[in-house]
Amino acid sequence: MPKAQPDLPLDHAPATHLDSVESITAGLAEVGYIASRRIATALYMAAHLQKPILVEGVAGVGKTELALSTARLLGLPLIRLQCYEGLDESRALYEWKYGKQLLYTQILRDHLGPALGDAPDLASAMERLEGAGDLFFSERFLEPRPLLQALRTEGGAVLLIDEIDKSDEAFEAFLLEMLSAFQVSIPEIGVIKAITPPMVFLTSNNARDLGDALKRRCLHLHIPLPDQKLEERIVAARVPGLDGRLRIGLVTFVQNLRRLDLRKLPSISETVDWARALVLLQARALDPALVRETLNVLLKFEQDVVAVEGKLGELLRSDGDRPV
């Protein structure tokens, strides 16, 4: 993969870890994230083109973890905005420090008499008060929330807008200025531009369709459930204390589960949790009794647990003796 060309719209040189797709893959592996080439390529383009990444996929495939790992890789602070229905700019961008404003109002009240006593008329008094009024809506009284914090962080930051599909369409529209120009507009203050443009990740579990305007401003990355070999590498990186043969067996079992008609298929996060549980239980092999006792780590609905219990023998025999 060639290096970034000089005419790319970079305000600052990217970190060494982002110099190539290969260096990103290696760097993420060092912080415990096993990335496919598609993931590393998307991250490379996002860094050099200064574009947000919209990361989609089912819950538990590593969307949020990608942002966390990127922050660790680059040594940047992670600023996270968790989305939910009803989220608005007062929670995402800024709000006013009302307590401080009230305190200053009381102080101002004590000085109003002397300040306005010699005013010849009401218009003159109002003119004198106008400057004091503007003071209450200045940056001194501004409480920054995640979006504004990300723009004002010197040296840059990783901004994670998590589960954007849980927010309302109005909030999605509100984000467009931020995502396209790395700036926001505050009516009382004006436009605030990023000191250093943050690296932005938006995640979506596809709970609803996102608008075309938002998608146009982002690079799209879909993270699927991993195949056998990739999942084994992920488990090896995240649970290094797990025996190699047991790792193969549990990943094979999970891969077989995903072929069943279950209400919720286990994702990579459940696989890692199950591997950690087996290490905790000092397991040496996958026997039916152990699997039955720990199925609740992999499966989140009782109807799925019951369905799998009836097929344990078949599932444990499938490709269970593949050599390490």
C-alpha atoms as a PDB file:
ATOM      1  CA  MET A   1       0.000   0.000   0.000  1.00  0.00           C
ATOM      2  CA  PRO A   2       1.576   3.375  -1.019  1.00  0.00           C
ATOM      3  CA  LYS A   3       2.207   6.144   1.463  1.00  0.00           C
ATOM      4  CA  ALA A   4      -0.154   9.121   1.679  1.00  0.00           C
ATOM      5  CA  GLN A   5       0.380  11.587  -1.128  1.00  0.00           C
ATOM      6  CA  PRO A   6       1.294  15.201  -0.299  1.00  0.00           C
ATOM      7  CA  ASP A   7      -1.911  16.579  -1.797  1.00  0.00           C
ATOM      8  CA  LEU A   8      -4.166  14.650   0.559  1.00  0.00           C
ATOM      9  CA  PRO A   9      -6.140  16.957   2.876  1.00  0.00           C
ATOM     10  CA  LEU A  10      -4.027  16.350   5.988  1.00  0.00           C
ATOM     11  CA  ASP A  11      -3.744  19.091   8.606  1.00  0.00           C
ATOM     12  CA  HIS A  12      -1.035  17.107  10.362  1.00  0.00           C
ATOM     13  CA  ALA A  13       1.122  14.125   9.523  1.00  0.00           C
ATOM     14  CA  PRO A  14      -0.420  10.778  10.531  1.00  0.00           C
ATOM     15  CA  ALA A  15       1.237   8.712  13.226  1.00  0.00           C
ATOM     16  CA  THR A  16       3.822   6.120  12.212  1.00  0.00           C
ATOM     17  CA  HIS A  17       1.396   3.324  13.090  1.00  0.00           C
ATOM     18  CA  LEU A  18      -0.884   4.591  10.310  1.00  0.00           C
ATOM     19  CA  ASP A  19       1.754   4.730   7.576  1.00  0.00           C
ATOM     20  CA  SER A  20       0.515   1.575   5.851  1.00  0.00           C
ATOM     21  CA  VAL A  21      -2.126  -1.103   6.027  1.00  0.00           C
ATOM     22  CA  GLU A  22       0.520  -3.544   7.226  1.00  0.00           C
ATOM     23  CA  SER A  23       1.684  -1.271  10.056  1.00  0.00           C
ATOM     24  CA  ILE A  24      -1.922  -0.794  11.181  1.00  0.00           C
ATOM     25  CA  THR A  25      -2.519  -4.553  11.222  1.00  0.00           C
ATOM     26  CA  ALA A  26       0.664  -5.123  13.226  1.00  0.00           C
ATOM     27  CA  GLY A  27       0.002  -2.211  15.573  1.00  0.00           C
ATOM     28  CA  LEU A  28      -3.534  -3.307  16.362  1.00  0.00           C
ATOM     29  CA  ALA A  29      -2.300  -6.832  17.033  1.00  0.00           C
ATOM     30  CA  GLU A  30       0.160  -5.404  19.573  1.00  0.00           C
ATOM     31  CA  VAL A  31      -2.749  -3.894  21.532  1.00  0.00           C
ATOM     32  CA  GLY A  32      -4.801  -7.081  21.303  1.00  0.00           C
ATOM     33  CA  TYR A  33      -7.047  -6.409  18.295  1.00  0.00           C
ATOM     34  CA  ILE A  34      -6.755  -8.892  15.414  1.00  0.00           C
ATOM     35  CA  ALA A  35      -7.842  -6.957  12.337  1.00  0.00           C
ATOM     36  CA  SER A  36      -8.665  -8.286   8.902  1.00  0.00           C
ATOM     37  CA  ARG A  37      -7.051  -6.522   5.960  1.00  0.00           C
ATOM     38  CA  ARG A  38     -10.402  -4.910   5.165  1.00  0.00           C
ATOM     39  CA  ILE A  39     -10.552  -3.338   8.630  1.00  0.00           C
ATOM     40  CA  ALA A  40      -6.941  -2.125   8.450  1.00  0.00           C
ATOM     41  CA  THR A  41      -7.501  -0.656   4.977  1.00  0.00           C
ATOM     42  CA  ALA A  42     -10.576   1.263   6.149  1.00  0.00           C
ATOM     43  CA  LEU A  43      -8.611   2.660   9.089  1.00  0.00           C
ATOM     44  CA  TYR A  44      -5.737   3.665   6.793  1.00  0.00           C
ATOM     45  CA  MET A  45      -8.087   5.538   4.451  1.00  0.00           C
ATOM     46  CA  ALA A  46      -9.964   7.193   7.302  1.00  0.00           C
ATOM     47  CA  ALA A  47      -6.739   8.527   8.812  1.00  0.00           C
ATOM     48  CA  HIS A  48      -5.307   9.896   5.573  1.00  0.00           C
ATOM     49  CA  LEU A  49      -8.529  11.219   4.079  1.00  0.00           C
ATOM     50  CA  GLN A  50      -9.768  12.541   7.431  1.00  0.00           C
ATOM     51  CA  LYS A  51     -13.109  10.816   7.094  1.00  0.00           C
ATOM     52  CA  PRO A  52     -15.243   9.305   9.858  1.00  0.00           C
ATOM     53  CA  ILE A  53     -15.773   5.532   9.759  1.00  0.00           C
ATOM     54  CA  LEU A  54     -19.280   4.130  10.069  1.00  0.00           C
ATOM     55  CA  VAL A  55     -18.765   0.624  11.457  1.00  0.00           C
ATOM     56  CA  GLU A  56     -21.742  -1.709  11.091  1.00  0.00           C
ATOM     57  CA  GLY A  57     -22.347  -5.301  12.117  1.00  0.00           C
ATOM     58  CA  VAL A  58     -24.193  -7.386  14.666  1.00  0.00           C
ATOM     59  CA  ALA A  59     -23.540  -6.752  18.337  1.00  0.00           C
ATOM     60  CA  GLY A  60     -20.323  -8.240  19.659  1.00  0.00           C
ATOM     61  CA  VAL A  61     -18.173  -8.398  16.505  1.00  0.00           C
ATOM     62  CA  GLY A  62     -15.683  -5.787  17.726  1.00  0.00           C
ATOM     63  CA  LYS A  63     -17.023  -2.454  16.473  1.00  0.00           C
ATOM     64  CA  THR A  64     -16.558  -0.560  19.731  1.00  0.00           C
ATOM     65  CA  GLU A  65     -13.351  -2.433  20.472  1.00  0.00           C
ATOM     66  CA  LEU A  66     -11.895  -1.181  17.170  1.00  0.00           C
ATOM     67  CA  ALA A  67     -12.214   2.422  18.363  1.00  0.00           C
ATOM     68  CA  LEU A  68     -10.812   1.567  21.807  1.00  0.00           C
ATOM     69  CA  SER A  69      -7.866  -0.271  20.268  1.00  0.00           C
ATOM     70  CA  THR A  70      -7.162   2.552  17.823  1.00  0.00           C
ATOM     71  CA  ALA A  71      -6.983   5.008  20.710  1.00  0.00           C
ATOM     72  CA  ARG A  72      -4.526   2.715  22.518  1.00  0.00           C
ATOM     73  CA  LEU A  73      -2.485   2.249  19.349  1.00  0.00           C
ATOM     74  CA  LEU A  74      -2.158   5.993  18.731  1.00  0.00           C
ATOM     75  CA  GLY A  75      -1.818   6.977  22.385  1.00  0.00           C
ATOM     76  CA  LEU A  76      -4.786   9.340  22.061  1.00  0.00           C
ATOM     77  CA  PRO A  77      -7.602   9.954  24.545  1.00  0.00           C
ATOM     78  CA  LEU A  78     -10.849   8.166  23.761  1.00  0.00           C
ATOM     79  CA  ILE A  79     -13.965  10.334  24.012  1.00  0.00           C
ATOM     80  CA  ARG A  80     -17.153   8.279  23.916  1.00  0.00           C
ATOM     81  CA  LEU A  81     -20.700   9.385  23.221  1.00  0.00           C
ATOM     82  CA  GLN A  82     -23.241   6.652  23.925  1.00  0.00           C
ATOM     83  CA  CYS A  83     -26.347   7.251  21.815  1.00  0.00           C
ATOM     84  CA  TYR A  84     -29.917   6.625  22.929  1.00  0.00           C
ATOM     85  CA  GLU A  85     -33.412   7.703  21.963  1.00  0.00           C
ATOM     86  CA  GLY A  86     -33.964  11.361  22.862  1.00  0.00           C
ATOM     87  CA  LEU A  87     -30.268  12.312  22.869  1.00  0.00           C
ATOM     88  CA  ASP A  88     -29.883  16.007  22.029  1.00  0.00           C
ATOM     89  CA  GLU A  89     -27.146  18.598  21.670  1.00  0.00           C
ATOM     90  CA  SER A  90     -27.244  19.584  25.348  1.00  0.00           C
ATOM     91  CA  ARG A  91     -25.960  16.090  26.195  1.00  0.00           C
ATOM     92  CA  ALA A  92     -23.772  15.611  23.141  1.00  0.00           C
ATOM     93  CA  LEU A  93     -22.267  19.031  22.417  1.00  0.00           C
ATOM     94  CA  TYR A  94     -22.549  21.486  25.304  1.00  0.00           C
ATOM     95  CA  GLU A  95     -24.727  22.954  27.986  1.00  0.00           C
ATOM     96  CA  TRP A  96     -24.550  26.096  30.075  1.00  0.00           C
ATOM     97  CA  LYS A  97     -23.271  26.081  33.651  1.00  0.00           C
ATOM     98  CA  TYR A  98     -26.555  27.255  35.119  1.00  0.00           C
ATOM     99  CA  GLY A  99     -25.342  27.194  38.722  1.00  0.00           C
ATOM    100  CA  LYS A 100     -22.410  29.429  37.894  1.00  0.00           C
ATOM    101  CA  GLN A 101     -24.659  31.729  35.880  1.00  0.00           C
ATOM    102  CA  LEU A 102     -27.022  32.019  38.857  1.00  0.00           C
ATOM    103  CA  LEU A 103     -24.152  32.887  41.197  1.00  0.00           C
ATOM    104  CA  TYR A 104     -22.917  35.599  38.846  1.00  0.00           C
ATOM    105  CA  THR A 105     -26.474  36.901  38.511  1.00  0.00           C
ATOM    106  CA  GLN A 106     -26.612  37.438  42.263  1.00  0.00           C
ATOM    107  CA  ILE A 107     -23.264  39.229  42.188  1.00  0.00           C
ATOM    108  CA  LEU A 108     -24.417  41.405  39.302  1.00  0.00           C
ATOM    109  CA  ARG A 109     -27.618  42.284  41.139  1.00  0.00           C
ATOM    110  CA  ASP A 110     -25.565  43.834  43.961  1.00  0.00           C
ATOM    111  CA  HIS A 111     -23.829  46.096  41.460  1.00  0.00           C
ATOM    112  CA  LEU A 112     -26.826  47.062  39.339  1.00  0.00           C
ATOM    113  CA  GLY A 113     -27.808  50.033  41.470  1.00  0.00           C
ATOM    114  CA  PRO A 114     -24.495  51.909  41.341  1.00  0.00           C
ATOM    115  CA  ALA A 115     -23.972  50.976  37.693  1.00  0.00           C
ATOM    116  CA  LEU A 116     -27.361  52.232  36.525  1.00  0.00           C
ATOM    117  CA  GLY A 117     -27.959  55.034  39.007  1.00  0.00           C
ATOM    118  CA  ASP A 118     -26.698  57.825  36.752  1.00  0.00           C
ATOM    119  CA  ALA A 119     -28.241  56.487  33.512  1.00  0.00           C
ATOM    120  CA  PRO A 120     -30.315  59.340  31.978  1.00  0.00           C
ATOM    121  CA  ASP A 121     -33.005  57.063  30.545  1.00  0.00           C
ATOM    122  CA  LEU A 122     -34.110  53.424  30.091  1.00  0.00           C
ATOM    123  CA  ALA A 123     -32.362  53.058  26.733  1.00  0.00           C
ATOM    124  CA  SER A 124     -29.051  54.058  28.260  1.00  0.00           C
ATOM    125  CA  ALA A 125     -29.550  51.605  31.125  1.00  0.00           C
ATOM    126  CA  MET A 126     -30.323  48.780  28.713  1.00  0.00           C
ATOM    127  CA  GLU A 127     -27.226  49.600  26.693  1.00  0.00           C
ATOM    128  CA  ARG A 128     -25.071  49.305  29.795  1.00  0.00           C
ATOM    129  CA  LEU A 129     -26.660  45.956  30.669  1.00  0.00           C
ATOM    130  CA  GLU A 130     -26.161  44.490  27.208  1.00  0.00           C
ATOM    131  CA  GLY A 131     -22.481  43.711  27.714  1.00  0.00           C
ATOM    132  CA  ALA A 132     -23.170  42.061  31.058  1.00  0.00           C
ATOM    133  CA  GLY A 133     -25.843  39.891  29.450  1.00  0.00           C
ATOM    134  CA  ASP A 134     -23.444  38.664  26.777  1.00  0.00           C
ATOM    135  CA  LEU A 135     -21.009  37.636  29.486  1.00  0.00           C
ATOM    136  CA  PHE A 136     -23.411  34.967  30.752  1.00  0.00           C
ATOM    137  CA  PHE A 137     -23.336  33.183  27.390  1.00  0.00           C
ATOM    138  CA  SER A 138     -19.590  33.178  26.846  1.00  0.00           C
ATOM    139  CA  GLU A 139     -17.142  30.281  26.913  1.00  0.00           C
ATOM    140  CA  ARG A 140     -16.522  30.907  30.599  1.00  0.00           C
ATOM    141  CA  PHE A 141     -19.989  29.475  31.313  1.00  0.00           C
ATOM    142  CA  LEU A 142     -19.841  26.708  28.696  1.00  0.00           C
ATOM    143  CA  GLU A 143     -19.814  23.064  29.817  1.00  0.00           C
ATOM    144  CA  PRO A 144     -18.350  20.961  26.965  1.00  0.00           C
ATOM    145  CA  ARG A 145     -19.843  17.564  26.230  1.00  0.00           C
ATOM    146  CA  PRO A 146     -18.184  14.753  24.188  1.00  0.00           C
ATOM    147  CA  LEU A 147     -18.453  16.315  20.713  1.00  0.00           C
ATOM    148  CA  LEU A 148     -17.052  19.660  21.828  1.00  0.00           C
ATOM    149  CA  GLN A 149     -14.398  17.966  23.953  1.00  0.00           C
ATOM    150  CA  ALA A 150     -13.198  16.050  20.890  1.00  0.00           C
ATOM    151  CA  LEU A 151     -12.904  19.241  18.842  1.00  0.00           C
ATOM    152  CA  ARG A 152     -10.995  21.099  21.547  1.00  0.00           C
ATOM    153  CA  THR A 153      -8.504  18.396  22.487  1.00  0.00           C
ATOM    154  CA  GLU A 154      -5.026  19.525  21.510  1.00  0.00           C
ATOM    155  CA  GLY A 155      -3.087  16.782  19.789  1.00  0.00           C
ATOM    156  CA  GLY A 156      -6.259  15.043  18.647  1.00  0.00           C
ATOM    157  CA  ALA A 157      -8.519  12.376  20.072  1.00  0.00           C
ATOM    158  CA  VAL A 158     -10.490   9.315  19.041  1.00  0.00           C
ATOM    159  CA  LEU A 159     -14.204  10.131  19.122  1.00  0.00           C
ATOM    160  CA  LEU A 160     -16.540   7.144  19.427  1.00  0.00           C
ATOM    161  CA  ILE A 161     -20.203   7.830  18.648  1.00  0.00           C
ATOM    162  CA  ASP A 162     -21.530   4.495  19.805  1.00  0.00           C
ATOM    163  CA  GLU A 163     -24.770   2.937  18.526  1.00  0.00           C
ATOM    164  CA  ILE A 164     -25.803   5.894  16.375  1.00  0.00           C
ATOM    165  CA  ASP A 165     -28.790   3.849  15.171  1.00  0.00           C
ATOM    166  CA  LYS A 166     -30.358   4.198  18.637  1.00  0.00           C
ATOM    167  CA  SER A 167     -30.554   7.989  18.333  1.00  0.00           C
ATOM    168  CA  ASP A 168     -33.295   9.948  16.591  1.00  0.00           C
ATOM    169  CA  GLU A 169     -33.135  11.171  12.999  1.00  0.00           C
ATOM    170  CA  ALA A 170     -33.004  14.755  14.304  1.00  0.00           C
ATOM    171  CA  PHE A 171     -29.779  14.028  16.171  1.00  0.00           C
ATOM    172  CA  GLU A 172     -28.384  12.279  13.123  1.00  0.00           C
ATOM    173  CA  ALA A 173     -29.000  15.477  11.122  1.00  0.00           C
ATOM    174  CA  PHE A 174     -27.394  17.539  13.881  1.00  0.00           C
ATOM    175  CA  LEU A 175     -24.159  15.553  13.442  1.00  0.00           C
ATOM    176  CA  LEU A 176     -23.718  16.396   9.767  1.00  0.00           C
ATOM    177  CA  GLU A 177     -21.728  19.613  10.289  1.00  0.00           C
ATOM    178  CA  MET A 178     -19.439  17.875  12.735  1.00  0.00           C
ATOM    179  CA  LEU A 179     -18.813  14.918  10.443  1.00  0.00           C
ATOM    180  CA  SER A 180     -18.219  16.933   7.280  1.00  0.00           C
ATOM    181  CA  ALA A 181     -16.137  19.875   8.531  1.00  0.00           C
ATOM    182  CA  PHE A 182     -15.037  18.939  12.064  1.00  0.00           C
ATOM    183  CA  GLN A 183     -16.769  22.005  13.419  1.00  0.00           C
ATOM    184  CA  VAL A 184     -19.944  22.897  15.293  1.00  0.00           C
ATOM    185  CA  SER A 185     -22.096  26.010  15.505  1.00  0.00           C
ATOM    186  CA  ILE A 186     -23.142  27.405  18.880  1.00  0.00           C
ATOM    187  CA  PRO A 187     -25.697  30.218  18.437  1.00  0.00           C
ATOM    188  CA  GLU A 188     -24.416  32.370  21.307  1.00  0.00           C
ATOM    189  CA  ILE A 189     -20.720  31.974  20.424  1.00  0.00           C
ATOM    190  CA  GLY A 190     -20.395  31.091  16.745  1.00  0.00           C
ATOM    191  CA  VAL A 191     -18.501  28.374  14.896  1.00  0.00           C
ATOM    192  CA  ILE A 192     -15.959  26.304  16.805  1.00  0.00           C
ATOM    193  CA  LYS A 193     -13.500  24.388  14.626  1.00  0.00           C
ATOM    194  CA  ALA A 194     -11.360  21.460  15.648  1.00  0.00           C
ATOM    195  CA  ILE A 195      -7.891  22.266  16.940  1.00  0.00           C
ATOM    196  CA  THR A 196      -6.799  18.893  15.574  1.00  0.00           C
ATOM    197  CA  PRO A 197      -9.455  16.896  13.697  1.00  0.00           C
ATOM    198  CA  PRO A 198     -10.358  13.821  15.758  1.00  0.00           C
ATOM    199  CA  MET A 199     -10.492  10.322  14.344  1.00  0.00           C
ATOM    200  CA  VAL A 200     -14.218   9.546  14.423  1.00  0.00           C
ATOM    201  CA  PHE A 201     -15.877   6.141  14.693  1.00  0.00           C
ATOM    202  CA  LEU A 202     -19.640   5.692  14.504  1.00  0.00           C
ATOM    203  CA  THR A 203     -21.031   2.260  15.293  1.00  0.00           C
ATOM    204  CA  SER A 204     -24.383   0.795  14.306  1.00  0.00           C
ATOM    205  CA  ASN A 205     -26.116  -2.499  15.060  1.00  0.00           C
ATOM    206  CA  ASN A 206     -28.567  -1.779  12.209  1.00  0.00           C
ATOM    207  CA  ALA A 207     -31.486  -1.202  14.572  1.00  0.00           C
ATOM    208  CA  ARG A 208     -32.759   1.281  11.982  1.00  0.00           C
ATOM    209  CA  ASP A 209     -31.675   2.536   8.569  1.00  0.00           C
ATOM    210  CA  LEU A 210     -29.376   5.542   8.720  1.00  0.00           C
ATOM    211  CA  GLY A 211     -29.871   8.540   6.436  1.00  0.00           C
ATOM    212  CA  ASP A 212     -28.028   8.941   3.149  1.00  0.00           C
ATOM    213  CA  ALA A 213     -26.588  12.311   4.236  1.00  0.00           C
ATOM    214  CA  LEU A 214     -24.799  10.745   7.182  1.00  0.00           C
ATOM    215  CA  LYS A 215     -23.561   7.777   5.157  1.00  0.00           C
ATOM    216  CA  ARG A 216     -22.137  10.071   2.455  1.00  0.00           C
ATOM    217  CA  ARG A 217     -19.913  11.736   5.046  1.00  0.00           C
ATOM    218  CA  CYS A 218     -18.436   8.465   6.282  1.00  0.00           C
ATOM    219  CA  LEU A 219     -16.389   5.560   5.056  1.00  0.00           C
ATOM    220  CA  HIS A 220     -18.433   2.395   5.419  1.00  0.00           C
ATOM    221  CA  LEU A 221     -17.042  -0.670   7.153  1.00  0.00           C
ATOM    222  CA  HIS A 222     -19.030  -3.825   7.823  1.00  0.00           C
ATOM    223  CA  ILE A 223     -17.513  -6.284  10.292  1.00  0.00           C
ATOM    224  CA  PRO A 224     -18.974  -9.781   9.809  1.00  0.00           C
ATOM    225  CA  LEU A 225     -18.747 -12.690  12.203  1.00  0.00           C
ATOM    226  CA  PRO A 226     -15.224 -14.115  11.837  1.00  0.00           C
ATOM    227  CA  ASP A 227     -14.351 -17.353  10.091  1.00  0.00           C
ATOM    228  CA  GLN A 228     -12.677 -20.229  11.928  1.00  0.00           C
ATOM    229  CA  LYS A 229      -9.043 -19.169  11.452  1.00  0.00           C
ATOM    230  CA  LEU A 230      -9.628 -15.494  12.275  1.00  0.00           C
ATOM    231  CA  GLU A 231     -11.650 -16.378  15.360  1.00  0.00           C
ATOM    232  CA  GLU A 232      -8.901 -18.678  16.584  1.00  0.00           C
ATOM    233  CA  ARG A 233      -6.375 -15.845  16.217  1.00  0.00           C
ATOM    234  CA  ILE A 234      -8.676 -13.467  18.089  1.00  0.00           C
ATOM    235  CA  VAL A 235      -9.178 -15.911  20.959  1.00  0.00           C
ATOM    236  CA  ALA A 236      -5.426 -16.604  21.117  1.00  0.00           C
ATOM    237  CA  ALA A 237      -4.746 -12.857  21.393  1.00  0.00           C
ATOM    238  CA  ARG A 238      -7.459 -12.124  23.942  1.00  0.00           C
ATOM    239  CA  VAL A 239      -7.134 -15.293  26.066  1.00  0.00           C
ATOM    240  CA  PRO A 240      -3.445 -16.273  25.897  1.00  0.00           C
ATOM    241  CA  GLY A 241      -3.759 -18.744  28.791  1.00  0.00           C
ATOM    242  CA  LEU A 242      -6.040 -21.092  26.838  1.00  0.00           C
ATOM    243  CA  ASP A 243      -4.656 -24.447  25.669  1.00  0.00           C
ATOM    244  CA  GLY A 244      -4.227 -24.594  21.878  1.00  0.00           C
ATOM    245  CA  ARG A 245      -6.268 -27.761  21.336  1.00  0.00           C
ATOM    246  CA  LEU A 246      -9.057 -26.480  23.570  1.00  0.00           C
ATOM    247  CA  ARG A 247      -9.049 -23.199  21.663  1.00  0.00           C
ATOM    248  CA  ILE A 248      -9.591 -25.040  18.371  1.00  0.00           C
ATOM    249  CA  GLY A 249     -12.369 -27.118  19.897  1.00  0.00           C
ATOM    250  CA  LEU A 250     -14.298 -24.226  21.394  1.00  0.00           C
ATOM    251  CA  VAL A 251     -14.027 -22.104  18.234  1.00  0.00           C
ATOM    252  CA  THR A 252     -15.215 -25.041  16.153  1.00  0.00           C
ATOM    253  CA  PHE A 253     -18.150 -25.503  18.520  1.00  0.00           C
ATOM    254  CA  VAL A 254     -19.091 -21.822  18.237  1.00  0.00           C
ATOM    255  CA  GLN A 255     -18.786 -21.929  14.443  1.00  0.00           C
ATOM    256  CA  ASN A 256     -21.177 -24.894  14.415  1.00  0.00           C
ATOM    257  CA  LEU A 257     -23.622 -23.060  16.679  1.00  0.00           C
ATOM    258  CA  ARG A 258     -23.818 -20.235  14.144  1.00  0.00           C
ATOM    259  CA  ARG A 259     -25.198 -22.649  11.571  1.00  0.00           C
ATOM    260  CA  LEU A 260     -28.238 -23.329  13.762  1.00  0.00           C
ATOM    261  CA  ASP A 261     -31.523 -21.440  13.728  1.00  0.00           C
ATOM    262  CA  LEU A 262     -31.058 -19.605  17.031  1.00  0.00           C
ATOM    263  CA  ARG A 263     -32.721 -16.465  18.299  1.00  0.00           C
ATOM    264  CA  LYS A 264     -29.301 -14.854  18.864  1.00  0.00           C
ATOM    265  CA  LEU A 265     -26.138 -16.318  17.412  1.00  0.00           C
ATOM    266  CA  PRO A 266     -23.045 -16.057  19.620  1.00  0.00           C
ATOM    267  CA  SER A 267     -20.676 -13.304  18.527  1.00  0.00           C
ATOM    268  CA  ILE A 268     -16.938 -13.012  19.003  1.00  0.00           C
ATOM    269  CA  SER A 269     -17.419 -11.298  22.367  1.00  0.00           C
ATOM    270  CA  GLU A 270     -19.319 -14.363  23.633  1.00  0.00           C
ATOM    271  CA  THR A 271     -16.585 -16.641  22.277  1.00  0.00           C
ATOM    272  CA  VAL A 272     -13.928 -14.688  24.182  1.00  0.00           C
ATOM    273  CA  ASP A 273     -16.059 -14.684  27.353  1.00  0.00           C
ATOM    274  CA  TRP A 274     -16.534 -18.442  27.063  1.00  0.00           C
ATOM    275  CA  ALA A 275     -12.801 -18.973  26.580  1.00  0.00           C
ATOM    276  CA  ARG A 276     -12.092 -16.947  29.716  1.00  0.00           C
ATOM    277  CA  ALA A 277     -14.703 -18.953  31.621  1.00  0.00           C
ATOM    278  CA  LEU A 278     -13.048 -22.216  30.573  1.00  0.00           C
ATOM    279  CA  VAL A 279      -9.657 -20.923  31.733  1.00  0.00           C
ATOM    280  CA  LEU A 280     -11.234 -19.930  35.044  1.00  0.00           C
ATOM    281  CA  LEU A 281     -12.701 -23.436  35.403  1.00  0.00           C
ATOM    282  CA  GLN A 282      -9.316 -24.982  34.481  1.00  0.00           C
ATOM    283  CA  ALA A 283     -10.918 -26.941  31.644  1.00  0.00           C
ATOM    284  CA  ARG A 284      -8.742 -29.321  29.637  1.00  0.00           C
ATOM    285  CA  ALA A 285     -11.317 -30.465  27.090  1.00  0.00           C
ATOM    286  CA  LEU A 286     -14.876 -29.821  25.960  1.00  0.00           C
ATOM    287  CA  ASP A 287     -16.992 -32.533  27.530  1.00  0.00           C
ATOM    288  CA  PRO A 288     -20.820 -32.456  27.381  1.00  0.00           C
ATOM    289  CA  ALA A 289     -21.234 -31.754  31.104  1.00  0.00           C
ATOM    290  CA  LEU A 290     -18.892 -28.743  31.028  1.00  0.00           C
ATOM    291  CA  VAL A 291     -20.466 -27.310  27.884  1.00  0.00           C
ATOM    292  CA  ARG A 292     -23.971 -27.740  29.310  1.00  0.00           C
ATOM    293  CA  GLU A 293     -22.964 -25.925  32.513  1.00  0.00           C
ATOM    294  CA  THR A 294     -21.446 -22.981  30.631  1.00  0.00           C
ATOM    295  CA  LEU A 295     -23.846 -22.571  27.698  1.00  0.00           C
ATOM    296  CA  ASN A 296     -25.323 -19.512  29.399  1.00  0.00           C
ATOM    297  CA  VAL A 297     -22.083 -17.666  28.614  1.00  0.00           C
ATOM    298  CA  LEU A 298     -22.541 -18.266  24.882  1.00  0.00           C
ATOM    299  CA  LEU A 299     -26.330 -18.101  24.556  1.00  0.00           C
ATOM    300  CA  LYS A 300     -28.538 -15.315  25.894  1.00  0.00           C
ATOM    301  CA  PHE A 301     -31.990 -16.899  25.531  1.00  0.00           C
ATOM    302  CA  GLU A 302     -33.228 -19.974  27.355  1.00  0.00           C
ATOM    303  CA  GLN A 303     -34.956 -21.297  24.239  1.00  0.00           C
ATOM    304  CA  ASP A 304     -31.556 -21.311  22.490  1.00  0.00           C
ATOM    305  CA  VAL A 305     -29.955 -23.121  25.423  1.00  0.00           C
ATOM    306  CA  VAL A 306     -32.644 -25.807  25.337  1.00  0.00           C
ATOM    307  CA  ALA A 307     -32.321 -26.213  21.563  1.00  0.00           C
ATOM    308  CA  VAL A 308     -28.536 -26.628  21.736  1.00  0.00           C
ATOM    309  CA  GLU A 309     -28.606 -29.025  24.691  1.00  0.00           C
ATOM    310  CA  GLY A 310     -30.451 -31.539  22.529  1.00  0.00           C
ATOM    311  CA  LYS A 311     -27.679 -31.427  19.924  1.00  0.00           C
ATOM    312  CA  LEU A 312     -24.562 -31.347  22.101  1.00  0.00           C
ATOM    313  CA  GLY A 313     -23.284 -34.748  21.037  1.00  0.00           C
ATOM    314  CA  GLU A 314     -23.486 -33.901  17.341  1.00  0.00           C
ATOM    315  CA  LEU A 315     -21.988 -30.429  17.812  1.00  0.00           C
ATOM    316  CA  LEU A 316     -19.039 -31.664  19.869  1.00  0.00           C
ATOM    317  CA  ARG A 317     -18.188 -34.379  17.327  1.00  0.00           C
ATOM    318  CA  SER A 318     -18.139 -31.969  14.369  1.00  0.00           C
ATOM    319  CA  ASP A 319     -14.501 -31.359  13.419  1.00  0.00           C
ATOM    320  CA  GLY A 320     -13.523 -31.658  17.070  1.00  0.00           C
ATOM    321  CA  ASP A 321     -10.309 -33.576  16.438  1.00  0.00           C
ATOM    322  CA  ARG A 322      -8.624 -31.180  14.014  1.00  0.00           C
ATOM    323  CA  PRO A 323      -4.900 -31.119  14.862  1.00  0.00           C
ATOM    324  CA  VAL A 324      -3.332 -28.066  16.467  1.00  0.00           C
END
